[in-house]
PDB file of N, CA and C in Angstrom:
ATOM      1  N   MET A   1     -10.988  -0.079 -17.525  1.00  0.00           N
ATOM      2  CA  MET A   1     -10.898   0.797 -16.489  1.00  0.00           C
ATOM      3  C   MET A   1      -9.895   0.940 -15.638  1.00  0.00           C
ATOM      4  N   ALA A   2      -9.142   2.010 -15.426  1.00  0.00           N
ATOM      5  CA  ALA A   2      -7.788   1.898 -14.485  1.00  0.00           C
ATOM      6  C   ALA A   2      -8.024   1.497 -13.287  1.00  0.00           C
ATOM      7  N   LYS A   3      -7.096   0.849 -12.698  1.00  0.00           N
ATOM      8  CA  LYS A   3      -7.301   0.045 -11.380  1.00  0.00           C
ATOM      9  C   LYS A   3      -7.243   1.256 -10.105  1.00  0.00           C
ATOM     10  N   ARG A   4      -8.030   1.419  -9.348  1.00  0.00           N
ATOM     11  CA  ARG A   4      -7.656   2.162  -8.237  1.00  0.00           C
ATOM     12  C   ARG A   4      -6.883   1.742  -7.061  1.00  0.00           C
ATOM     13  N   VAL A   5      -5.953   2.900  -6.803  1.00  0.00           N
ATOM     14  CA  VAL A   5      -4.878   2.689  -5.611  1.00  0.00           C
ATOM     15  C   VAL A   5      -5.200   3.518  -4.502  1.00  0.00           C
ATOM     16  N   LEU A   6      -5.269   2.907  -3.169  1.00  0.00           N
ATOM     17  CA  LEU A   6      -5.048   3.642  -2.024  1.00  0.00           C
ATOM     18  C   LEU A   6      -3.690   3.696  -1.706  1.00  0.00           C
ATOM     19  N   ILE A   7      -3.133   4.996  -1.480  1.00  0.00           N
ATOM     20  CA  ILE A   7      -1.817   5.185  -1.093  1.00  0.00           C
ATOM     21  C   ILE A   7      -1.785   5.515   0.597  1.00  0.00           C
ATOM     22  N   VAL A   8      -0.972   4.687   1.197  1.00  0.00           N
ATOM     23  CA  VAL A   8      -0.896   4.831   2.836  1.00  0.00           C
ATOM     24  C   VAL A   8       0.426   5.118   3.203  1.00  0.00           C
ATOM     25  N   ASP A   9       0.763   6.204   3.544  1.00  0.00           N
ATOM     26  CA  ASP A   9       2.202   6.406   3.950  1.00  0.00           C
ATOM     27  C   ASP A   9       2.027   7.702   5.005  1.00  0.00           C
ATOM     28  N   ASP A  10       2.746   7.820   6.115  1.00  0.00           N
ATOM     29  CA  ASP A  10       2.631   8.967   6.837  1.00  0.00           C
ATOM     30  C   ASP A  10       3.560  10.206   6.555  1.00  0.00           C
ATOM     31  N   ALA A  11       4.368   9.944   5.534  1.00  0.00           N
ATOM     32  CA  ALA A  11       5.101  11.010   4.784  1.00  0.00           C
ATOM     33  C   ALA A  11       4.314  11.564   3.608  1.00  0.00           C
ATOM     34  N   ALA A  12       4.126  12.722   3.585  1.00  0.00           N
ATOM     35  CA  ALA A  12       3.354  13.360   2.556  1.00  0.00           C
ATOM     36  C   ALA A  12       4.292  13.225   1.396  1.00  0.00           C
ATOM     37  N   PHE A  13       5.514  13.592   1.522  1.00  0.00           N
ATOM     38  CA  PHE A  13       6.563  13.347   0.356  1.00  0.00           C
ATOM     39  C   PHE A  13       6.414  11.987  -0.436  1.00  0.00           C
ATOM     40  N   MET A  14       6.567  11.068   0.549  1.00  0.00           N
ATOM     41  CA  MET A  14       6.424   9.488  -0.039  1.00  0.00           C
ATOM     42  C   MET A  14       5.087   9.246  -0.733  1.00  0.00           C
ATOM     43  N   ARG A  15       3.889   9.850  -0.402  1.00  0.00           N
ATOM     44  CA  ARG A  15       2.728   9.631  -1.044  1.00  0.00           C
ATOM     45  C   ARG A  15       2.747  10.441  -2.332  1.00  0.00           C
ATOM     46  N   MET A  16       3.364  11.687  -2.251  1.00  0.00           N
ATOM     47  CA  MET A  16       3.442  12.533  -3.529  1.00  0.00           C
ATOM     48  C   MET A  16       4.330  11.744  -4.602  1.00  0.00           C
ATOM     49  N   MET A  17       5.635  11.070  -4.109  1.00  0.00           N
ATOM     50  CA  MET A  17       6.473  10.536  -5.095  1.00  0.00           C
ATOM     51  C   MET A  17       5.331   9.073  -5.480  1.00  0.00           C
ATOM     52  N   LEU A  18       4.808   8.359  -4.820  1.00  0.00           N
ATOM     53  CA  LEU A  18       4.030   7.339  -5.365  1.00  0.00           C
ATOM     54  C   LEU A  18       2.936   7.516  -6.063  1.00  0.00           C
ATOM     55  N   LYS A  19       2.336   8.573  -5.935  1.00  0.00           N
ATOM     56  CA  LYS A  19       0.988   9.302  -6.584  1.00  0.00           C
ATOM     57  C   LYS A  19       1.630   9.388  -8.064  1.00  0.00           C
ATOM     58  N   ASP A  20       2.781  10.185  -8.128  1.00  0.00           N
ATOM     59  CA  ASP A  20       3.303  10.401  -9.505  1.00  0.00           C
ATOM     60  C   ASP A  20       3.575   9.106 -10.176  1.00  0.00           C
ATOM     61  N   ILE A  21       4.369   8.272  -9.580  1.00  0.00           N
ATOM     62  CA  ILE A  21       4.528   7.138 -10.313  1.00  0.00           C
ATOM     63  C   ILE A  21       3.227   6.122 -10.824  1.00  0.00           C
ATOM     64  N   ILE A  22       2.308   6.068  -9.944  1.00  0.00           N
ATOM     65  CA  ILE A  22       1.103   5.285 -10.052  1.00  0.00           C
ATOM     66  C   ILE A  22       0.485   6.089 -11.108  1.00  0.00           C
ATOM     67  N   THR A  23       0.216   7.227 -11.263  1.00  0.00           N
ATOM     68  CA  THR A  23      -0.758   7.947 -12.249  1.00  0.00           C
ATOM     69  C   THR A  23       0.113   7.828 -13.628  1.00  0.00           C
ATOM     70  N   LYS A  24       1.474   8.016 -13.428  1.00  0.00           N
ATOM     71  CA  LYS A  24       2.149   7.941 -15.023  1.00  0.00           C
ATOM     72  C   LYS A  24       2.087   6.462 -15.461  1.00  0.00           C
ATOM     73  N   ALA A  25       1.878   5.530 -14.641  1.00  0.00           N
ATOM     74  CA  ALA A  25       1.706   4.131 -15.008  1.00  0.00           C
ATOM     75  C   ALA A  25       0.323   3.803 -15.240  1.00  0.00           C
ATOM     76  N   GLY A  26      -0.564   4.717 -15.457  1.00  0.00           N
ATOM     77  CA  GLY A  26      -2.061   4.400 -15.931  1.00  0.00           C
ATOM     78  C   GLY A  26      -2.964   3.883 -14.983  1.00  0.00           C
ATOM     79  N   PHE A  27      -2.430   3.907 -13.604  1.00  0.00           N
ATOM     80  CA  PHE A  27      -3.384   3.589 -12.517  1.00  0.00           C
ATOM     81  C   PHE A  27      -3.969   4.993 -11.994  1.00  0.00           C
ATOM     82  N   GLU A  28      -5.183   4.656 -11.200  1.00  0.00           N
ATOM     83  CA  GLU A  28      -5.781   5.915 -10.751  1.00  0.00           C
ATOM     84  C   GLU A  28      -5.572   5.843  -9.056  1.00  0.00           C
ATOM     85  N   VAL A  29      -5.420   7.048  -8.623  1.00  0.00           N
ATOM     86  CA  VAL A  29      -5.047   7.276  -7.282  1.00  0.00           C
ATOM     87  C   VAL A  29      -6.632   7.343  -6.645  1.00  0.00           C
ATOM     88  N   ALA A  30      -7.087   6.384  -5.654  1.00  0.00           N
ATOM     89  CA  ALA A  30      -8.523   6.508  -5.433  1.00  0.00           C
ATOM     90  C   ALA A  30      -8.563   7.329  -3.980  1.00  0.00           C
ATOM     91  N   GLY A  31      -7.287   7.219  -3.260  1.00  0.00           N
ATOM     92  CA  GLY A  31      -7.059   8.069  -1.963  1.00  0.00           C
ATOM     93  C   GLY A  31      -5.997   8.146  -1.488  1.00  0.00           C
ATOM     94  N   GLU A  32      -5.778   8.774  -0.208  1.00  0.00           N
ATOM     95  CA  GLU A  32      -4.457   8.691   0.526  1.00  0.00           C
ATOM     96  C   GLU A  32      -4.865   8.484   2.044  1.00  0.00           C
ATOM     97  N   ALA A  33      -3.820   7.925   3.029  1.00  0.00           N
ATOM     98  CA  ALA A  33      -3.854   7.909   4.086  1.00  0.00           C
ATOM     99  C   ALA A  33      -2.789   8.180   4.616  1.00  0.00           C
ATOM    100  N   ALA A  34      -2.686   8.676   6.034  1.00  0.00           N
ATOM    101  CA  ALA A  34      -1.528   9.013   6.622  1.00  0.00           C
ATOM    102  C   ALA A  34      -1.082   8.050   7.949  1.00  0.00           C
ATOM    103  N   ASN A  35      -2.192   7.209   8.030  1.00  0.00           N
ATOM    104  CA  ASN A  35      -1.607   6.315   9.162  1.00  0.00           C
ATOM    105  C   ASN A  35      -2.711   4.942   8.811  1.00  0.00           C
ATOM    106  N   GLY A  36      -2.366   3.929   9.634  1.00  0.00           N
ATOM    107  CA  GLY A  36      -3.044   2.623   9.520  1.00  0.00           C
ATOM    108  C   GLY A  36      -4.467   2.807   9.662  1.00  0.00           C
ATOM    109  N   LYS A  37      -4.912   3.529  10.559  1.00  0.00           N
ATOM    110  CA  LYS A  37      -6.460   3.795  11.213  1.00  0.00           C
ATOM    111  C   LYS A  37      -7.047   4.329   9.826  1.00  0.00           C
ATOM    112  N   GLU A  38      -6.502   5.557   9.459  1.00  0.00           N
ATOM    113  CA  GLU A  38      -7.045   6.182   8.308  1.00  0.00           C
ATOM    114  C   GLU A  38      -7.245   5.062   7.075  1.00  0.00           C
ATOM    115  N   ALA A  39      -6.243   4.309   7.085  1.00  0.00           N
ATOM    116  CA  ALA A  39      -6.103   3.486   5.925  1.00  0.00           C
ATOM    117  C   ALA A  39      -7.565   2.237   5.890  1.00  0.00           C
ATOM    118  N   VAL A  40      -7.720   1.875   7.097  1.00  0.00           N
ATOM    119  CA  VAL A  40      -8.799   1.115   7.328  1.00  0.00           C
ATOM    120  C   VAL A  40     -10.165   1.605   6.773  1.00  0.00           C
ATOM    121  N   GLU A  41     -10.272   2.886   7.511  1.00  0.00           N
ATOM    122  CA  GLU A  41     -11.235   3.772   7.064  1.00  0.00           C
ATOM    123  C   GLU A  41     -11.784   4.161   5.944  1.00  0.00           C
ATOM    124  N   LYS A  42     -10.674   4.318   4.998  1.00  0.00           N
ATOM    125  CA  LYS A  42     -10.574   4.744   3.447  1.00  0.00           C
ATOM    126  C   LYS A  42     -10.825   3.613   2.763  1.00  0.00           C
ATOM    127  N   TYR A  43     -10.228   2.377   3.288  1.00  0.00           N
ATOM    128  CA  TYR A  43     -10.423   1.107   2.239  1.00  0.00           C
ATOM    129  C   TYR A  43     -12.012   0.744   2.327  1.00  0.00           C
ATOM    130  N   LYS A  44     -12.626   0.956   3.475  1.00  0.00           N
ATOM    131  CA  LYS A  44     -14.080   0.775   3.536  1.00  0.00           C
ATOM    132  C   LYS A  44     -14.897   1.737   2.730  1.00  0.00           C
ATOM    133  N   GLU A  45     -14.307   2.928   2.744  1.00  0.00           N
ATOM    134  CA  GLU A  45     -15.182   3.988   2.078  1.00  0.00           C
ATOM    135  C   GLU A  45     -14.730   3.852   0.658  1.00  0.00           C
ATOM    136  N   LEU A  46     -13.627   3.837   0.158  1.00  0.00           N
ATOM    137  CA  LEU A  46     -13.300   3.797  -1.285  1.00  0.00           C
ATOM    138  C   LEU A  46     -13.393   2.584  -2.015  1.00  0.00           C
ATOM    139  N   ASN A  47     -13.239   1.388  -1.305  1.00  0.00           N
ATOM    140  CA  ASN A  47     -12.946   0.037  -1.902  1.00  0.00           C
ATOM    141  C   ASN A  47     -12.139   0.051  -3.077  1.00  0.00           C
ATOM    142  N   PRO A  48     -10.756   0.379  -2.860  1.00  0.00           N
ATOM    143  CA  PRO A  48      -9.874   0.656  -3.906  1.00  0.00           C
ATOM    144  C   PRO A  48      -9.459  -1.013  -4.297  1.00  0.00           C
ATOM    145  N   ASP A  49      -8.785  -1.113  -5.474  1.00  0.00           N
ATOM    146  CA  ASP A  49      -8.330  -2.364  -6.264  1.00  0.00           C
ATOM    147  C   ASP A  49      -7.078  -2.763  -5.460  1.00  0.00           C
ATOM    148  N   ILE A  50      -6.228  -1.777  -5.283  1.00  0.00           N
ATOM    149  CA  ILE A  50      -4.726  -1.939  -4.650  1.00  0.00           C
ATOM    150  C   ILE A  50      -4.663  -1.038  -3.553  1.00  0.00           C
ATOM    151  N   VAL A  51      -3.866  -1.269  -2.563  1.00  0.00           N
ATOM    152  CA  VAL A  51      -3.371  -0.367  -1.626  1.00  0.00           C
ATOM    153  C   VAL A  51      -1.647  -0.652  -1.422  1.00  0.00           C
ATOM    154  N   THR A  52      -1.185   0.614  -1.425  1.00  0.00           N
ATOM    155  CA  THR A  52       0.304   0.562  -0.817  1.00  0.00           C
ATOM    156  C   THR A  52       0.249   0.962   0.452  1.00  0.00           C
ATOM    157  N   MET A  53       1.015   0.226   1.250  1.00  0.00           N
ATOM    158  CA  MET A  53       0.931   0.226   2.671  1.00  0.00           C
ATOM    159  C   MET A  53       2.272   0.518   3.435  1.00  0.00           C
ATOM    160  N   ASP A  54       2.439   1.459   3.979  1.00  0.00           N
ATOM    161  CA  ASP A  54       3.690   2.001   4.629  1.00  0.00           C
ATOM    162  C   ASP A  54       3.755   0.893   6.088  1.00  0.00           C
ATOM    163  N   ILE A  55       4.829   0.551   6.718  1.00  0.00           N
ATOM    164  CA  ILE A  55       4.838  -0.263   7.706  1.00  0.00           C
ATOM    165  C   ILE A  55       4.891   0.712   8.842  1.00  0.00           C
ATOM    166  N   THR A  56       5.854   1.431   8.885  1.00  0.00           N
ATOM    167  CA  THR A  56       5.946   2.294  10.150  1.00  0.00           C
ATOM    168  C   THR A  56       5.268   3.331  10.361  1.00  0.00           C
ATOM    169  N   MET A  57       3.963   3.553  10.911  1.00  0.00           N
ATOM    170  CA  MET A  57       3.384   4.926  10.902  1.00  0.00           C
ATOM    171  C   MET A  57       2.832   4.963  12.407  1.00  0.00           C
ATOM    172  N   PRO A  58       2.223   6.183  12.478  1.00  0.00           N
ATOM    173  CA  PRO A  58       1.605   6.488  13.920  1.00  0.00           C
ATOM    174  C   PRO A  58       0.192   5.996  13.972  1.00  0.00           C
ATOM    175  N   GLU A  59      -0.444   6.015  15.137  1.00  0.00           N
ATOM    176  CA  GLU A  59      -1.563   5.474  15.417  1.00  0.00           C
ATOM    177  C   GLU A  59      -1.753   3.935  15.231  1.00  0.00           C
ATOM    178  N   MET A  60      -1.709   3.441  14.276  1.00  0.00           N
ATOM    179  CA  MET A  60      -1.851   2.132  13.729  1.00  0.00           C
ATOM    180  C   MET A  60      -0.776   1.893  12.729  1.00  0.00           C
ATOM    181  N   ASP A  61      -0.043   0.802  12.935  1.00  0.00           N
ATOM    182  CA  ASP A  61       1.117   0.566  11.935  1.00  0.00           C
ATOM    183  C   ASP A  61       0.789  -0.172  10.496  1.00  0.00           C
ATOM    184  N   GLY A  62       1.249  -0.303   9.631  1.00  0.00           N
ATOM    185  CA  GLY A  62       0.921  -0.997   8.537  1.00  0.00           C
ATOM    186  C   GLY A  62       0.309  -2.552   8.618  1.00  0.00           C
ATOM    187  N   ILE A  63       1.222  -3.274   9.393  1.00  0.00           N
ATOM    188  CA  ILE A  63       0.814  -4.526   9.605  1.00  0.00           C
ATOM    189  C   ILE A  63      -0.654  -5.046  10.329  1.00  0.00           C
ATOM    190  N   THR A  64      -0.757  -4.217  11.329  1.00  0.00           N
ATOM    191  CA  THR A  64      -2.050  -4.011  11.847  1.00  0.00           C
ATOM    192  C   THR A  64      -3.019  -3.671  11.036  1.00  0.00           C
ATOM    193  N   ALA A  65      -2.855  -2.614  10.101  1.00  0.00           N
ATOM    194  CA  ALA A  65      -3.882  -2.154   9.327  1.00  0.00           C
ATOM    195  C   ALA A  65      -3.936  -3.216   8.296  1.00  0.00           C
ATOM    196  N   ILE A  66      -3.087  -3.977   7.778  1.00  0.00           N
ATOM    197  CA  ILE A  66      -3.119  -4.990   6.854  1.00  0.00           C
ATOM    198  C   ILE A  66      -4.004  -6.092   7.386  1.00  0.00           C
ATOM    199  N   LYS A  67      -3.885  -6.456   8.563  1.00  0.00           N
ATOM    200  CA  LYS A  67      -4.812  -7.535   9.136  1.00  0.00           C
ATOM    201  C   LYS A  67      -6.281  -7.072   9.198  1.00  0.00           C
ATOM    202  N   GLU A  68      -6.355  -5.637   9.677  1.00  0.00           N
ATOM    203  CA  GLU A  68      -7.766  -5.351   9.648  1.00  0.00           C
ATOM    204  C   GLU A  68      -8.381  -5.209   8.407  1.00  0.00           C
ATOM    205  N   ILE A  69      -7.542  -4.882   7.314  1.00  0.00           N
ATOM    206  CA  ILE A  69      -8.258  -4.937   5.931  1.00  0.00           C
ATOM    207  C   ILE A  69      -8.607  -6.265   5.489  1.00  0.00           C
ATOM    208  N   MET A  70      -7.813  -7.150   5.782  1.00  0.00           N
ATOM    209  CA  MET A  70      -7.966  -8.495   5.471  1.00  0.00           C
ATOM    210  C   MET A  70      -9.128  -9.168   5.971  1.00  0.00           C
ATOM    211  N   LYS A  71      -9.482  -8.579   7.409  1.00  0.00           N
ATOM    212  CA  LYS A  71     -10.832  -8.974   7.994  1.00  0.00           C
ATOM    213  C   LYS A  71     -11.964  -8.393   7.260  1.00  0.00           C
ATOM    214  N   ILE A  72     -11.958  -7.301   6.365  1.00  0.00           N
ATOM    215  CA  ILE A  72     -13.299  -6.543   5.814  1.00  0.00           C
ATOM    216  C   ILE A  72     -13.079  -7.151   4.471  1.00  0.00           C
ATOM    217  N   ASP A  73     -11.750  -7.534   3.781  1.00  0.00           N
ATOM    218  CA  ASP A  73     -11.796  -7.914   2.444  1.00  0.00           C
ATOM    219  C   ASP A  73     -10.700  -9.005   2.533  1.00  0.00           C
ATOM    220  N   PRO A  74     -11.070 -10.218   2.549  1.00  0.00           N
ATOM    221  CA  PRO A  74      -9.877 -11.340   2.489  1.00  0.00           C
ATOM    222  C   PRO A  74      -9.129 -11.310   1.282  1.00  0.00           C
ATOM    223  N   ASN A  75      -9.852 -10.696   0.025  1.00  0.00           N
ATOM    224  CA  ASN A  75      -9.073 -10.611  -1.307  1.00  0.00           C
ATOM    225  C   ASN A  75      -8.463  -9.314  -1.648  1.00  0.00           C
ATOM    226  N   ALA A  76      -8.278  -8.363  -0.610  1.00  0.00           N
ATOM    227  CA  ALA A  76      -7.535  -7.350  -0.802  1.00  0.00           C
ATOM    228  C   ALA A  76      -6.092  -7.530  -1.322  1.00  0.00           C
ATOM    229  N   LYS A  77      -5.867  -6.462  -2.081  1.00  0.00           N
ATOM    230  CA  LYS A  77      -4.468  -6.669  -2.890  1.00  0.00           C
ATOM    231  C   LYS A  77      -3.792  -5.476  -2.205  1.00  0.00           C
ATOM    232  N   ILE A  78      -2.724  -5.746  -1.319  1.00  0.00           N
ATOM    233  CA  ILE A  78      -1.993  -4.816  -0.590  1.00  0.00           C
ATOM    234  C   ILE A  78      -0.436  -5.122  -0.868  1.00  0.00           C
ATOM    235  N   ILE A  79       0.288  -3.923  -1.137  1.00  0.00           N
ATOM    236  CA  ILE A  79       1.710  -4.057  -1.431  1.00  0.00           C
ATOM    237  C   ILE A  79       2.248  -3.414  -0.225  1.00  0.00           C
ATOM    238  N   VAL A  80       3.144  -3.944   0.206  1.00  0.00           N
ATOM    239  CA  VAL A  80       3.799  -3.380   1.468  1.00  0.00           C
ATOM    240  C   VAL A  80       4.827  -2.384   0.999  1.00  0.00           C
ATOM    241  N   CYS A  81       5.357  -1.216   1.572  1.00  0.00           N
ATOM    242  CA  CYS A  81       6.470  -0.459   1.297  1.00  0.00           C
ATOM    243  C   CYS A  81       6.934  -0.296   2.685  1.00  0.00           C
ATOM    244  N   SER A  82       8.321  -0.809   2.377  1.00  0.00           N
ATOM    245  CA  SER A  82       9.301  -0.734   3.608  1.00  0.00           C
ATOM    246  C   SER A  82      10.726   0.016   3.314  1.00  0.00           C
ATOM    247  N   ALA A  83      11.089   0.334   4.338  1.00  0.00           N
ATOM    248  CA  ALA A  83      12.587   0.863   4.126  1.00  0.00           C
ATOM    249  C   ALA A  83      13.457  -0.188   4.199  1.00  0.00           C
ATOM    250  N   MET A  84      14.867  -0.050   3.736  1.00  0.00           N
ATOM    251  CA  MET A  84      15.658  -1.334   3.743  1.00  0.00           C
ATOM    252  C   MET A  84      16.006  -1.662   5.228  1.00  0.00           C
ATOM    253  N   GLY A  85      16.051  -2.941   5.524  1.00  0.00           N
ATOM    254  CA  GLY A  85      16.342  -3.379   6.873  1.00  0.00           C
ATOM    255  C   GLY A  85      15.331  -3.754   7.508  1.00  0.00           C
ATOM    256  N   GLN A  86      14.098  -3.762   6.907  1.00  0.00           N
ATOM    257  CA  GLN A  86      12.636  -4.136   7.702  1.00  0.00           C
ATOM    258  C   GLN A  86      12.504  -5.481   7.190  1.00  0.00           C
ATOM    259  N   GLN A  87      13.297  -6.376   6.887  1.00  0.00           N
ATOM    260  CA  GLN A  87      12.892  -7.709   6.397  1.00  0.00           C
ATOM    261  C   GLN A  87      11.933  -8.378   7.190  1.00  0.00           C
ATOM    262  N   ALA A  88      12.216  -8.677   8.891  1.00  0.00           N
ATOM    263  CA  ALA A  88      11.450  -9.187   9.415  1.00  0.00           C
ATOM    264  C   ALA A  88       9.835  -8.662   9.321  1.00  0.00           C
ATOM    265  N   MET A  89       9.737  -7.377   9.188  1.00  0.00           N
ATOM    266  CA  MET A  89       8.317  -6.815   9.157  1.00  0.00           C
ATOM    267  C   MET A  89       7.630  -7.052   7.942  1.00  0.00           C
ATOM    268  N   VAL A  90       8.677  -7.294   6.803  1.00  0.00           N
ATOM    269  CA  VAL A  90       8.059  -7.440   5.651  1.00  0.00           C
ATOM    270  C   VAL A  90       7.375  -8.909   5.571  1.00  0.00           C
ATOM    271  N   ILE A  91       8.197  -9.741   6.114  1.00  0.00           N
ATOM    272  CA  ILE A  91       7.782 -11.103   6.159  1.00  0.00           C
ATOM    273  C   ILE A  91       6.471 -11.215   6.978  1.00  0.00           C
ATOM    274  N   GLU A  92       6.264 -10.515   8.111  1.00  0.00           N
ATOM    275  CA  GLU A  92       5.238 -10.350   9.039  1.00  0.00           C
ATOM    276  C   GLU A  92       4.045  -9.861   8.293  1.00  0.00           C
ATOM    277  N   ALA A  93       4.059  -8.782   7.360  1.00  0.00           N
ATOM    278  CA  ALA A  93       3.139  -8.244   6.679  1.00  0.00           C
ATOM    279  C   ALA A  93       2.685  -9.256   5.360  1.00  0.00           C
ATOM    280  N   ILE A  94       3.663  -9.934   4.772  1.00  0.00           N
ATOM    281  CA  ILE A  94       3.399 -10.766   3.906  1.00  0.00           C
ATOM    282  C   ILE A  94       2.343 -11.868   4.409  1.00  0.00           C
ATOM    283  N   LYS A  95       2.599 -12.567   5.619  1.00  0.00           N
ATOM    284  CA  LYS A  95       1.979 -13.531   6.529  1.00  0.00           C
ATOM    285  C   LYS A  95       0.534 -13.113   6.802  1.00  0.00           C
ATOM    286  N   ALA A  96       0.673 -11.603   7.218  1.00  0.00           N
ATOM    287  CA  ALA A  96      -0.589 -11.128   7.383  1.00  0.00           C
ATOM    288  C   ALA A  96      -1.641 -11.011   6.144  1.00  0.00           C
ATOM    289  N   GLY A  97      -1.119 -10.899   5.013  1.00  0.00           N
ATOM    290  CA  GLY A  97      -1.873 -10.888   3.721  1.00  0.00           C
ATOM    291  C   GLY A  97      -1.415  -9.996   2.561  1.00  0.00           C
ATOM    292  N   ALA A  98      -0.267  -9.142   2.874  1.00  0.00           N
ATOM    293  CA  ALA A  98       0.072  -8.590   1.795  1.00  0.00           C
ATOM    294  C   ALA A  98       0.585  -9.453   0.678  1.00  0.00           C
ATOM    295  N   LYS A  99       0.589  -9.023  -0.865  1.00  0.00           N
ATOM    296  CA  LYS A  99       0.937  -9.783  -1.885  1.00  0.00           C
ATOM    297  C   LYS A  99       2.212  -9.369  -2.493  1.00  0.00           C
ATOM    298  N   ASP A 100       2.732  -8.387  -2.167  1.00  0.00           N
ATOM    299  CA  ASP A 100       3.978  -7.943  -2.386  1.00  0.00           C
ATOM    300  C   ASP A 100       4.796  -6.876  -1.685  1.00  0.00           C
ATOM    301  N   PHE A 101       5.944  -6.643  -2.014  1.00  0.00           N
ATOM    302  CA  PHE A 101       6.750  -5.466  -1.309  1.00  0.00           C
ATOM    303  C   PHE A 101       7.470  -4.691  -2.264  1.00  0.00           C
ATOM    304  N   ILE A 102       7.564  -3.303  -1.921  1.00  0.00           N
ATOM    305  CA  ILE A 102       8.580  -2.433  -2.621  1.00  0.00           C
ATOM    306  C   ILE A 102       9.224  -1.823  -1.660  1.00  0.00           C
ATOM    307  N   VAL A 103      10.763  -1.388  -1.791  1.00  0.00           N
ATOM    308  CA  VAL A 103      11.574  -1.028  -0.968  1.00  0.00           C
ATOM    309  C   VAL A 103      11.744   0.654  -0.948  1.00  0.00           C
ATOM    310  N   LYS A 104      11.978   1.312  -0.253  1.00  0.00           N
ATOM    311  CA  LYS A 104      12.315   2.641  -0.351  1.00  0.00           C
ATOM    312  C   LYS A 104      13.738   2.900  -0.261  1.00  0.00           C
ATOM    313  N   PRO A 105      14.280   3.569  -1.036  1.00  0.00           N
ATOM    314  CA  PRO A 105      13.592   4.523  -2.052  1.00  0.00           C
ATOM    315  C   PRO A 105      13.089   4.203  -3.050  1.00  0.00           C
ATOM    316  N   PHE A 106      11.921   4.087  -3.640  1.00  0.00           N
ATOM    317  CA  PHE A 106      11.307   3.609  -4.651  1.00  0.00           C
ATOM    318  C   PHE A 106      11.899   3.682  -5.981  1.00  0.00           C
ATOM    319  N   GLN A 107      11.892   2.614  -6.507  1.00  0.00           N
ATOM    320  CA  GLN A 107      12.371   2.366  -7.977  1.00  0.00           C
ATOM    321  C   GLN A 107      10.890   2.526  -8.848  1.00  0.00           C
ATOM    322  N   PRO A 108      10.830   3.502  -9.635  1.00  0.00           N
ATOM    323  CA  PRO A 108       9.433   3.823 -10.260  1.00  0.00           C
ATOM    324  C   PRO A 108       9.091   2.017 -11.003  1.00  0.00           C
ATOM    325  N   SER A 109      10.384   1.576 -11.856  1.00  0.00           N
ATOM    326  CA  SER A 109      10.005   0.525 -12.542  1.00  0.00           C
ATOM    327  C   SER A 109       9.364  -0.731 -11.468  1.00  0.00           C
ATOM    328  N   ARG A 110      10.083  -0.731 -10.442  1.00  0.00           N
ATOM    329  CA  ARG A 110       9.815  -1.909  -9.310  1.00  0.00           C
ATOM    330  C   ARG A 110       8.287  -1.435  -8.594  1.00  0.00           C
ATOM    331  N   VAL A 111       7.708  -0.401  -8.711  1.00  0.00           N
ATOM    332  CA  VAL A 111       6.472  -0.094  -8.133  1.00  0.00           C
ATOM    333  C   VAL A 111       5.605  -0.512  -9.141  1.00  0.00           C
ATOM    334  N   VAL A 112       5.796  -0.058 -10.454  1.00  0.00           N
ATOM    335  CA  VAL A 112       4.984  -0.271 -11.661  1.00  0.00           C
ATOM    336  C   VAL A 112       4.785  -1.840 -11.838  1.00  0.00           C
ATOM    337  N   GLU A 113       5.921  -2.558 -11.459  1.00  0.00           N
ATOM    338  CA  GLU A 113       5.813  -4.163 -11.541  1.00  0.00           C
ATOM    339  C   GLU A 113       4.968  -4.768 -10.644  1.00  0.00           C
ATOM    340  N   ALA A 114       5.088  -4.250  -9.253  1.00  0.00           N
ATOM    341  CA  ALA A 114       4.392  -4.939  -8.163  1.00  0.00           C
ATOM    342  C   ALA A 114       2.993  -4.505  -8.508  1.00  0.00           C
ATOM    343  N   LEU A 115       2.485  -3.314  -9.006  1.00  0.00           N
ATOM    344  CA  LEU A 115       1.275  -2.978  -9.307  1.00  0.00           C
ATOM    345  C   LEU A 115       0.574  -3.798 -10.213  1.00  0.00           C
ATOM    346  N   GLN A 116       1.393  -4.193 -11.349  1.00  0.00           N
ATOM    347  CA  GLN A 116       0.860  -4.747 -12.357  1.00  0.00           C
ATOM    348  C   GLN A 116       0.532  -6.371 -11.917  1.00  0.00           C
ATOM    349  N   LYS A 117       1.714  -6.741 -11.198  1.00  0.00           N
ATOM    350  CA  LYS A 117       1.576  -8.097 -10.436  1.00  0.00           C
ATOM    351  C   LYS A 117       0.333  -8.548  -9.933  1.00  0.00           C
ATOM    352  N   VAL A 118       0.098  -7.573  -9.012  1.00  0.00           N
ATOM    353  CA  VAL A 118      -1.167  -7.886  -7.958  1.00  0.00           C
ATOM    354  C   VAL A 118      -2.374  -7.755  -8.656  1.00  0.00           C
ATOM    355  N   SER A 119      -2.484  -6.683  -9.842  1.00  0.00           N
ATOM    356  CA  SER A 119      -3.759  -6.199 -10.377  1.00  0.00           C
ATOM    357  C   SER A 119      -4.182  -7.396 -11.481  1.00  0.00           C
ATOM    358  N   LYS A 120      -3.504  -8.528 -11.554  1.00  0.00           N
ATOM    359  CA  LYS A 120      -3.772  -9.473 -12.457  1.00  0.00           C
ATOM    360  C   LYS A 120      -5.080 -10.226 -11.855  1.00  0.00           C
TER     361      LYS A 120
END
């Protein structure tokens, strides 16, 4: 069965790009969220196998959302999506429980590699 992915990004364009990469790689998109608050709600509702989490978002940022999701499910597999130059935030996200990170603009091969790595 295909692994189910929850895509979290405040930019619809980024969600669309990720959705395209994810489905082409044989994963299933379980749902989408536009901010951290929505991400936590959708995680509870959809129970996805993997989450791609943007860091900078309105309402609740990605790091706070990671911490909230890890409280719900300590085994959550979260991949952080960051812009260049957000290294400190990426380190914080990893400390909060993220398993890997991908950098925008996305390299499809790197996205697939991260998905495969965390889905093992």
